[in-house]
ModelCIF file with pLDDT and N, C-alpha, C, O atoms, coordinates in Angstrom:
data_MODEL
#
_entry.id   MODEL 
#
_entity.id                         1 
_entity.type                       polymer 
_entity.pdbx_number_of_molecules   1 
#
_entity_poly.entity_id                      1 
_entity_poly.type                           'polypeptide(L)' 
_entity_poly.nstd_linkage                   no 
_entity_poly.nstd_monomer                   no 
_entity_poly.pdbx_seq_one_letter_code       GIFEQLVVSDDIRALLMENASVTDIKAQAKKEGMRS 
_entity_poly.pdbx_seq_one_letter_code_can   GIFEQLVVSDDIRALLMENASVTDIKAQAKKEGMRS 
_entity_poly.pdbx_strand_id                 A 
#
loop_
_entity_poly_seq.entity_id 
_entity_poly_seq.num 
_entity_poly_seq.mon_id 
_entity_poly_seq.hetero 
1 1  GLY n 
1 2  ILE n 
1 3  PHE n 
1 4  GLU n 
1 5  GLN n 
1 6  LEU n 
1 7  VAL n 
1 8  VAL n 
1 9  SER n 
1 10 ASP n 
1 11 ASP n 
1 12 ILE n 
1 13 ARG n 
1 14 ALA n 
1 15 LEU n 
1 16 LEU n 
1 17 MET n 
1 18 GLU n 
1 19 ASN n 
1 20 ALA n 
1 21 SER n 
1 22 VAL n 
1 23 THR n 
1 24 ASP n 
1 25 ILE n 
1 26 LYS n 
1 27 ALA n 
1 28 GLN n 
1 29 ALA n 
1 30 LYS n 
1 31 LYS n 
1 32 GLU n 
1 33 GLY n 
1 34 MET n 
1 35 ARG n 
1 36 SER n 
#
_struct_asym.id          A 
_struct_asym.entity_id   1 
#
loop_
_ma_qa_metric.id 
_ma_qa_metric.mode 
_ma_qa_metric.name 
_ma_qa_metric.software_group_id 
_ma_qa_metric.type 
1 global pLDDT . pLDDT 
2 local  pLDDT . pLDDT 
#
_ma_qa_metric_global.metric_id      1 
_ma_qa_metric_global.metric_value   94.47 
_ma_qa_metric_global.model_id       1 
_ma_qa_metric_global.ordinal_id     1 
#
loop_
_ma_qa_metric_local.label_asym_id 
_ma_qa_metric_local.label_comp_id 
_ma_qa_metric_local.label_seq_id 
_ma_qa_metric_local.metric_id 
_ma_qa_metric_local.metric_value 
_ma_qa_metric_local.model_id 
_ma_qa_metric_local.ordinal_id 
A GLY 1  2 94.00 1 1  
A ILE 2  2 96.00 1 2  
A PHE 3  2 97.00 1 3  
A GLU 4  2 96.00 1 4  
A GLN 5  2 96.00 1 5  
A LEU 6  2 97.00 1 6  
A VAL 7  2 96.00 1 7  
A VAL 8  2 96.00 1 8  
A SER 9  2 96.00 1 9  
A ASP 10 2 95.00 1 10 
A ASP 11 2 96.00 1 11 
A ILE 12 2 96.00 1 12 
A ARG 13 2 95.00 1 13 
A ALA 14 2 95.00 1 14 
A LEU 15 2 95.00 1 15 
A LEU 16 2 92.00 1 16 
A MET 17 2 92.00 1 17 
A GLU 18 2 92.00 1 18 
A ASN 19 2 89.00 1 19 
A ALA 20 2 91.00 1 20 
A SER 21 2 92.00 1 21 
A VAL 22 2 92.00 1 22 
A THR 23 2 93.00 1 23 
A ASP 24 2 95.00 1 24 
A ILE 25 2 95.00 1 25 
A LYS 26 2 94.00 1 26 
A ALA 27 2 95.00 1 27 
A GLN 28 2 96.00 1 28 
A ALA 29 2 96.00 1 29 
A LYS 30 2 95.00 1 30 
A LYS 31 2 95.00 1 31 
A GLU 32 2 95.00 1 32 
A GLY 33 2 93.00 1 33 
A MET 34 2 95.00 1 34 
A ARG 35 2 94.00 1 35 
A SER 36 2 94.00 1 36 
#
loop_
_atom_site.group_PDB 
_atom_site.id 
_atom_site.type_symbol 
_atom_site.label_atom_id 
_atom_site.label_alt_id 
_atom_site.label_comp_id 
_atom_site.label_asym_id 
_atom_site.label_entity_id 
_atom_site.label_seq_id 
_atom_site.pdbx_PDB_ins_code 
_atom_site.Cartn_x 
_atom_site.Cartn_y 
_atom_site.Cartn_z 
_atom_site.occupancy 
_atom_site.B_iso_or_equiv 
_atom_site.pdbx_formal_charge 
_atom_site.auth_seq_id 
_atom_site.auth_comp_id 
_atom_site.auth_asym_id 
_atom_site.auth_atom_id 
_atom_site.pdbx_PDB_model_num 
ATOM 1   N N  . GLY A 1 1  ? 120.450 116.263 45.669 1.00 94.00 ? 1  GLY A N  1 
ATOM 2   C CA . GLY A 1 1  ? 120.835 116.383 47.063 1.00 94.00 ? 1  GLY A CA 1 
ATOM 3   C C  . GLY A 1 1  ? 122.153 115.700 47.386 1.00 94.00 ? 1  GLY A C  1 
ATOM 4   O O  . GLY A 1 1  ? 122.474 114.646 46.838 1.00 94.00 ? 1  GLY A O  1 
ATOM 5   N N  . ILE A 1 2  ? 122.910 116.315 48.285 1.00 96.00 ? 2  ILE A N  1 
ATOM 6   C CA . ILE A 1 2  ? 124.078 115.654 48.878 1.00 96.00 ? 2  ILE A CA 1 
ATOM 7   C C  . ILE A 1 2  ? 123.871 115.659 50.387 1.00 96.00 ? 2  ILE A C  1 
ATOM 8   O O  . ILE A 1 2  ? 123.269 116.584 50.933 1.00 96.00 ? 2  ILE A O  1 
ATOM 9   N N  . PHE A 1 3  ? 124.369 114.624 51.060 1.00 97.00 ? 3  PHE A N  1 
ATOM 10  C CA . PHE A 1 3  ? 124.021 114.421 52.465 1.00 97.00 ? 3  PHE A CA 1 
ATOM 11  C C  . PHE A 1 3  ? 125.232 114.024 53.296 1.00 97.00 ? 3  PHE A C  1 
ATOM 12  O O  . PHE A 1 3  ? 126.179 113.408 52.807 1.00 97.00 ? 3  PHE A O  1 
ATOM 13  N N  . GLU A 1 4  ? 125.167 114.399 54.573 1.00 96.00 ? 4  GLU A N  1 
ATOM 14  C CA . GLU A 1 4  ? 126.165 114.006 55.568 1.00 96.00 ? 4  GLU A CA 1 
ATOM 15  C C  . GLU A 1 4  ? 125.371 113.544 56.790 1.00 96.00 ? 4  GLU A C  1 
ATOM 16  O O  . GLU A 1 4  ? 124.752 114.353 57.481 1.00 96.00 ? 4  GLU A O  1 
ATOM 17  N N  . GLN A 1 5  ? 125.396 112.250 57.045 1.00 96.00 ? 5  GLN A N  1 
ATOM 18  C CA . GLN A 1 5  ? 124.543 111.686 58.090 1.00 96.00 ? 5  GLN A CA 1 
ATOM 19  C C  . GLN A 1 5  ? 125.369 111.238 59.291 1.00 96.00 ? 5  GLN A C  1 
ATOM 20  O O  . GLN A 1 5  ? 126.268 110.406 59.170 1.00 96.00 ? 5  GLN A O  1 
ATOM 21  N N  . LEU A 1 6  ? 125.048 111.806 60.447 1.00 97.00 ? 6  LEU A N  1 
ATOM 22  C CA . LEU A 1 6  ? 125.729 111.451 61.689 1.00 97.00 ? 6  LEU A CA 1 
ATOM 23  C C  . LEU A 1 6  ? 124.735 110.733 62.602 1.00 97.00 ? 6  LEU A C  1 
ATOM 24  O O  . LEU A 1 6  ? 123.771 111.333 63.077 1.00 97.00 ? 6  LEU A O  1 
ATOM 25  N N  . VAL A 1 7  ? 124.975 109.465 62.838 1.00 96.00 ? 7  VAL A N  1 
ATOM 26  C CA . VAL A 1 7  ? 124.159 108.701 63.782 1.00 96.00 ? 7  VAL A CA 1 
ATOM 27  C C  . VAL A 1 7  ? 124.851 108.762 65.145 1.00 96.00 ? 7  VAL A C  1 
ATOM 28  O O  . VAL A 1 7  ? 126.037 108.451 65.254 1.00 96.00 ? 7  VAL A O  1 
ATOM 29  N N  . VAL A 1 8  ? 124.121 109.160 66.173 1.00 96.00 ? 8  VAL A N  1 
ATOM 30  C CA . VAL A 1 8  ? 124.711 109.361 67.494 1.00 96.00 ? 8  VAL A CA 1 
ATOM 31  C C  . VAL A 1 8  ? 124.937 108.008 68.173 1.00 96.00 ? 8  VAL A C  1 
ATOM 32  O O  . VAL A 1 8  ? 123.998 107.372 68.652 1.00 96.00 ? 8  VAL A O  1 
ATOM 33  N N  . SER A 1 9  ? 126.199 107.588 68.203 1.00 96.00 ? 9  SER A N  1 
ATOM 34  C CA . SER A 1 9  ? 126.575 106.317 68.827 1.00 96.00 ? 9  SER A CA 1 
ATOM 35  C C  . SER A 1 9  ? 126.918 106.530 70.300 1.00 96.00 ? 9  SER A C  1 
ATOM 36  O O  . SER A 1 9  ? 126.932 107.664 70.781 1.00 96.00 ? 9  SER A O  1 
ATOM 37  N N  . ASP A 1 10 ? 127.192 105.446 71.008 1.00 95.00 ? 10 ASP A N  1 
ATOM 38  C CA . ASP A 1 10 ? 127.567 105.551 72.420 1.00 95.00 ? 10 ASP A CA 1 
ATOM 39  C C  . ASP A 1 10 ? 128.858 106.359 72.590 1.00 95.00 ? 10 ASP A C  1 
ATOM 40  O O  . ASP A 1 10 ? 128.984 107.136 73.537 1.00 95.00 ? 10 ASP A O  1 
ATOM 41  N N  . ASP A 1 11 ? 129.822 106.174 71.669 1.00 96.00 ? 11 ASP A N  1 
ATOM 42  C CA . ASP A 1 11 ? 131.088 106.917 71.764 1.00 96.00 ? 11 ASP A CA 1 
ATOM 43  C C  . ASP A 1 11 ? 130.863 108.415 71.572 1.00 96.00 ? 11 ASP A C  1 
ATOM 44  O O  . ASP A 1 11 ? 131.481 109.236 72.249 1.00 96.00 ? 11 ASP A O  1 
ATOM 45  N N  . ILE A 1 12 ? 129.970 108.762 70.638 1.00 96.00 ? 12 ILE A N  1 
ATOM 46  C CA . ILE A 1 12 ? 129.685 110.186 70.411 1.00 96.00 ? 12 ILE A CA 1 
ATOM 47  C C  . ILE A 1 12 ? 128.919 110.776 71.595 1.00 96.00 ? 12 ILE A C  1 
ATOM 48  O O  . ILE A 1 12 ? 129.131 111.933 71.959 1.00 96.00 ? 12 ILE A O  1 
ATOM 49  N N  . ARG A 1 13 ? 128.028 109.982 72.194 1.00 95.00 ? 13 ARG A N  1 
ATOM 50  C CA . ARG A 1 13 ? 127.330 110.448 73.401 1.00 95.00 ? 13 ARG A CA 1 
ATOM 51  C C  . ARG A 1 13 ? 128.342 110.745 74.517 1.00 95.00 ? 13 ARG A C  1 
ATOM 52  O O  . ARG A 1 13 ? 128.212 111.728 75.247 1.00 95.00 ? 13 ARG A O  1 
ATOM 53  N N  . ALA A 1 14 ? 129.340 109.883 74.630 1.00 95.00 ? 14 ALA A N  1 
ATOM 54  C CA . ALA A 1 14 ? 130.369 110.090 75.655 1.00 95.00 ? 14 ALA A CA 1 
ATOM 55  C C  . ALA A 1 14 ? 131.140 111.376 75.405 1.00 95.00 ? 14 ALA A C  1 
ATOM 56  O O  . ALA A 1 14 ? 131.447 112.112 76.343 1.00 95.00 ? 14 ALA A O  1 
ATOM 57  N N  . LEU A 1 15 ? 131.459 111.651 74.122 1.00 95.00 ? 15 LEU A N  1 
ATOM 58  C CA . LEU A 1 15 ? 132.155 112.890 73.774 1.00 95.00 ? 15 LEU A CA 1 
ATOM 59  C C  . LEU A 1 15 ? 131.306 114.112 74.117 1.00 95.00 ? 15 LEU A C  1 
ATOM 60  O O  . LEU A 1 15 ? 131.820 115.122 74.598 1.00 95.00 ? 15 LEU A O  1 
ATOM 61  N N  . LEU A 1 16 ? 130.000 114.009 73.865 1.00 92.00 ? 16 LEU A N  1 
ATOM 62  C CA . LEU A 1 16 ? 129.100 115.114 74.203 1.00 92.00 ? 16 LEU A CA 1 
ATOM 63  C C  . LEU A 1 16 ? 129.095 115.383 75.703 1.00 92.00 ? 16 LEU A C  1 
ATOM 64  O O  . LEU A 1 16 ? 129.117 116.535 76.137 1.00 92.00 ? 16 LEU A O  1 
ATOM 65  N N  . MET A 1 17 ? 129.065 114.325 76.479 1.00 92.00 ? 17 MET A N  1 
ATOM 66  C CA . MET A 1 17 ? 129.051 114.465 77.938 1.00 92.00 ? 17 MET A CA 1 
ATOM 67  C C  . MET A 1 17 ? 130.329 115.140 78.439 1.00 92.00 ? 17 MET A C  1 
ATOM 68  O O  . MET A 1 17 ? 130.336 115.785 79.488 1.00 92.00 ? 17 MET A O  1 
ATOM 69  N N  . GLU A 1 18 ? 131.411 114.980 77.667 1.00 92.00 ? 18 GLU A N  1 
ATOM 70  C CA . GLU A 1 18 ? 132.693 115.575 78.047 1.00 92.00 ? 18 GLU A CA 1 
ATOM 71  C C  . GLU A 1 18 ? 132.881 116.976 77.461 1.00 92.00 ? 18 GLU A C  1 
ATOM 72  O O  . GLU A 1 18 ? 133.957 117.564 77.574 1.00 92.00 ? 18 GLU A O  1 
ATOM 73  N N  . ASN A 1 19 ? 131.813 117.513 76.826 1.00 89.00 ? 19 ASN A N  1 
ATOM 74  C CA . ASN A 1 19 ? 131.881 118.827 76.170 1.00 89.00 ? 19 ASN A CA 1 
ATOM 75  C C  . ASN A 1 19 ? 132.983 118.868 75.111 1.00 89.00 ? 19 ASN A C  1 
ATOM 76  O O  . ASN A 1 19 ? 133.726 119.843 75.007 1.00 89.00 ? 19 ASN A O  1 
ATOM 77  N N  . ALA A 1 20 ? 133.074 117.792 74.328 1.00 91.00 ? 20 ALA A N  1 
ATOM 78  C CA . ALA A 1 20 ? 134.088 117.709 73.277 1.00 91.00 ? 20 ALA A CA 1 
ATOM 79  C C  . ALA A 1 20 ? 133.821 118.739 72.191 1.00 91.00 ? 20 ALA A C  1 
ATOM 80  O O  . ALA A 1 20 ? 132.695 119.213 72.038 1.00 91.00 ? 20 ALA A O  1 
ATOM 81  N N  . SER A 1 21 ? 134.866 119.083 71.436 1.00 92.00 ? 21 SER A N  1 
ATOM 82  C CA . SER A 1 21 ? 134.737 120.071 70.358 1.00 92.00 ? 21 SER A CA 1 
ATOM 83  C C  . SER A 1 21 ? 134.081 119.446 69.130 1.00 92.00 ? 21 SER A C  1 
ATOM 84  O O  . SER A 1 21 ? 133.967 118.226 69.012 1.00 92.00 ? 21 SER A O  1 
ATOM 85  N N  . VAL A 1 22 ? 133.654 120.318 68.224 1.00 92.00 ? 22 VAL A N  1 
ATOM 86  C CA . VAL A 1 22 ? 133.073 119.850 66.957 1.00 92.00 ? 22 VAL A CA 1 
ATOM 87  C C  . VAL A 1 22 ? 134.070 118.985 66.203 1.00 92.00 ? 22 VAL A C  1 
ATOM 88  O O  . VAL A 1 22 ? 133.697 117.980 65.597 1.00 92.00 ? 22 VAL A O  1 
ATOM 89  N N  . THR A 1 23 ? 135.338 119.377 66.241 1.00 93.00 ? 23 THR A N  1 
ATOM 90  C CA . THR A 1 23 ? 136.378 118.632 65.525 1.00 93.00 ? 23 THR A CA 1 
ATOM 91  C C  . THR A 1 23 ? 136.490 117.201 66.044 1.00 93.00 ? 23 THR A C  1 
ATOM 92  O O  . THR A 1 23 ? 136.615 116.265 65.256 1.00 93.00 ? 23 THR A O  1 
ATOM 93  N N  . ASP A 1 24 ? 136.445 117.027 67.364 1.00 95.00 ? 24 ASP A N  1 
ATOM 94  C CA . ASP A 1 24 ? 136.544 115.682 67.944 1.00 95.00 ? 24 ASP A CA 1 
ATOM 95  C C  . ASP A 1 24 ? 135.327 114.836 67.594 1.00 95.00 ? 24 ASP A C  1 
ATOM 96  O O  . ASP A 1 24 ? 135.450 113.650 67.286 1.00 95.00 ? 24 ASP A O  1 
ATOM 97  N N  . ILE A 1 25 ? 134.151 115.459 67.645 1.00 95.00 ? 25 ILE A N  1 
ATOM 98  C CA . ILE A 1 25 ? 132.921 114.724 67.317 1.00 95.00 ? 25 ILE A CA 1 
ATOM 99  C C  . ILE A 1 25 ? 132.931 114.302 65.849 1.00 95.00 ? 25 ILE A C  1 
ATOM 100 O O  . ILE A 1 25 ? 132.563 113.176 65.513 1.00 95.00 ? 25 ILE A O  1 
ATOM 101 N N  . LYS A 1 26 ? 133.358 115.223 64.976 1.00 94.00 ? 26 LYS A N  1 
ATOM 102 C CA . LYS A 1 26 ? 133.417 114.904 63.544 1.00 94.00 ? 26 LYS A CA 1 
ATOM 103 C C  . LYS A 1 26 ? 134.412 113.773 63.271 1.00 94.00 ? 26 LYS A C  1 
ATOM 104 O O  . LYS A 1 26 ? 134.142 112.883 62.464 1.00 94.00 ? 26 LYS A O  1 
ATOM 105 N N  . ALA A 1 27 ? 135.564 113.812 63.948 1.00 95.00 ? 27 ALA A N  1 
ATOM 106 C CA . ALA A 1 27 ? 136.584 112.767 63.754 1.00 95.00 ? 27 ALA A CA 1 
ATOM 107 C C  . ALA A 1 27 ? 136.045 111.405 64.165 1.00 95.00 ? 27 ALA A C  1 
ATOM 108 O O  . ALA A 1 27 ? 136.294 110.409 63.486 1.00 95.00 ? 27 ALA A O  1 
ATOM 109 N N  . GLN A 1 28 ? 135.302 111.353 65.278 1.00 96.00 ? 28 GLN A N  1 
ATOM 110 C CA . GLN A 1 28 ? 134.735 110.084 65.729 1.00 96.00 ? 28 GLN A CA 1 
ATOM 111 C C  . GLN A 1 28 ? 133.661 109.588 64.759 1.00 96.00 ? 28 GLN A C  1 
ATOM 112 O O  . GLN A 1 28 ? 133.579 108.396 64.464 1.00 96.00 ? 28 GLN A O  1 
ATOM 113 N N  . ALA A 1 29 ? 132.837 110.522 64.267 1.00 96.00 ? 29 ALA A N  1 
ATOM 114 C CA . ALA A 1 29 ? 131.786 110.134 63.318 1.00 96.00 ? 29 ALA A CA 1 
ATOM 115 C C  . ALA A 1 29 ? 132.388 109.581 62.033 1.00 96.00 ? 29 ALA A C  1 
ATOM 116 O O  . ALA A 1 29 ? 131.876 108.609 61.477 1.00 96.00 ? 29 ALA A O  1 
ATOM 117 N N  . LYS A 1 30 ? 133.473 110.194 61.554 1.00 95.00 ? 30 LYS A N  1 
ATOM 118 C CA . LYS A 1 30 ? 134.133 109.702 60.343 1.00 95.00 ? 30 LYS A CA 1 
ATOM 119 C C  . LYS A 1 30 ? 134.739 108.319 60.581 1.00 95.00 ? 30 LYS A C  1 
ATOM 120 O O  . LYS A 1 30 ? 134.727 107.463 59.697 1.00 95.00 ? 30 LYS A O  1 
ATOM 121 N N  . LYS A 1 31 ? 135.270 108.114 61.793 1.00 95.00 ? 31 LYS A N  1 
ATOM 122 C CA . LYS A 1 31 ? 135.834 106.808 62.137 1.00 95.00 ? 31 LYS A CA 1 
ATOM 123 C C  . LYS A 1 31 ? 134.735 105.742 62.079 1.00 95.00 ? 31 LYS A C  1 
ATOM 124 O O  . LYS A 1 31 ? 135.006 104.580 61.774 1.00 95.00 ? 31 LYS A O  1 
ATOM 125 N N  . GLU A 1 32 ? 133.500 106.144 62.373 1.00 95.00 ? 32 GLU A N  1 
ATOM 126 C CA . GLU A 1 32 ? 132.373 105.209 62.365 1.00 95.00 ? 32 GLU A CA 1 
ATOM 127 C C  . GLU A 1 32 ? 131.707 105.093 60.996 1.00 95.00 ? 32 GLU A C  1 
ATOM 128 O O  . GLU A 1 32 ? 130.708 104.392 60.841 1.00 95.00 ? 32 GLU A O  1 
ATOM 129 N N  . GLY A 1 33 ? 132.273 105.791 60.001 1.00 93.00 ? 33 GLY A N  1 
ATOM 130 C CA . GLY A 1 33 ? 131.780 105.608 58.632 1.00 93.00 ? 33 GLY A CA 1 
ATOM 131 C C  . GLY A 1 33 ? 131.025 106.764 58.021 1.00 93.00 ? 33 GLY A C  1 
ATOM 132 O O  . GLY A 1 33 ? 130.505 106.633 56.914 1.00 93.00 ? 33 GLY A O  1 
ATOM 133 N N  . MET A 1 34 ? 130.946 107.904 58.710 1.00 95.00 ? 34 MET A N  1 
ATOM 134 C CA . MET A 1 34 ? 130.229 109.050 58.152 1.00 95.00 ? 34 MET A CA 1 
ATOM 135 C C  . MET A 1 34 ? 130.973 109.635 56.947 1.00 95.00 ? 34 MET A C  1 
ATOM 136 O O  . MET A 1 34 ? 132.187 109.838 56.991 1.00 95.00 ? 34 MET A O  1 
ATOM 137 N N  . ARG A 1 35 ? 130.231 109.900 55.882 1.00 94.00 ? 35 ARG A N  1 
ATOM 138 C CA . ARG A 1 35 ? 130.789 110.560 54.704 1.00 94.00 ? 35 ARG A CA 1 
ATOM 139 C C  . ARG A 1 35 ? 130.447 112.046 54.777 1.00 94.00 ? 35 ARG A C  1 
ATOM 140 O O  . ARG A 1 35 ? 129.297 112.411 55.026 1.00 94.00 ? 35 ARG A O  1 
ATOM 141 N N  . SER A 1 36 ? 131.446 112.903 54.561 1.00 94.00 ? 36 SER A N  1 
ATOM 142 C CA . SER A 1 36 ? 131.205 114.348 54.600 1.00 94.00 ? 36 SER A CA 1 
ATOM 143 C C  . SER A 1 36 ? 130.424 114.775 53.357 1.00 94.00 ? 36 SER A C  1 
ATOM 144 O O  . SER A 1 36 ? 130.118 115.957 53.197 1.00 94.00 ? 36 SER A O  1 
#
C-alpha cells in the first residue's frame, strides 16, 4: 500500500468555508506535512 493522508486542520476548514479549489487545499495540506 501507498498512502496520502490529509488531516483537516483549522486552516483547511477555513479554505473549505471559502470554497477554495482542490489545488489550494492540497498546497495547504502539503505545507502542513502531507506526503503525496
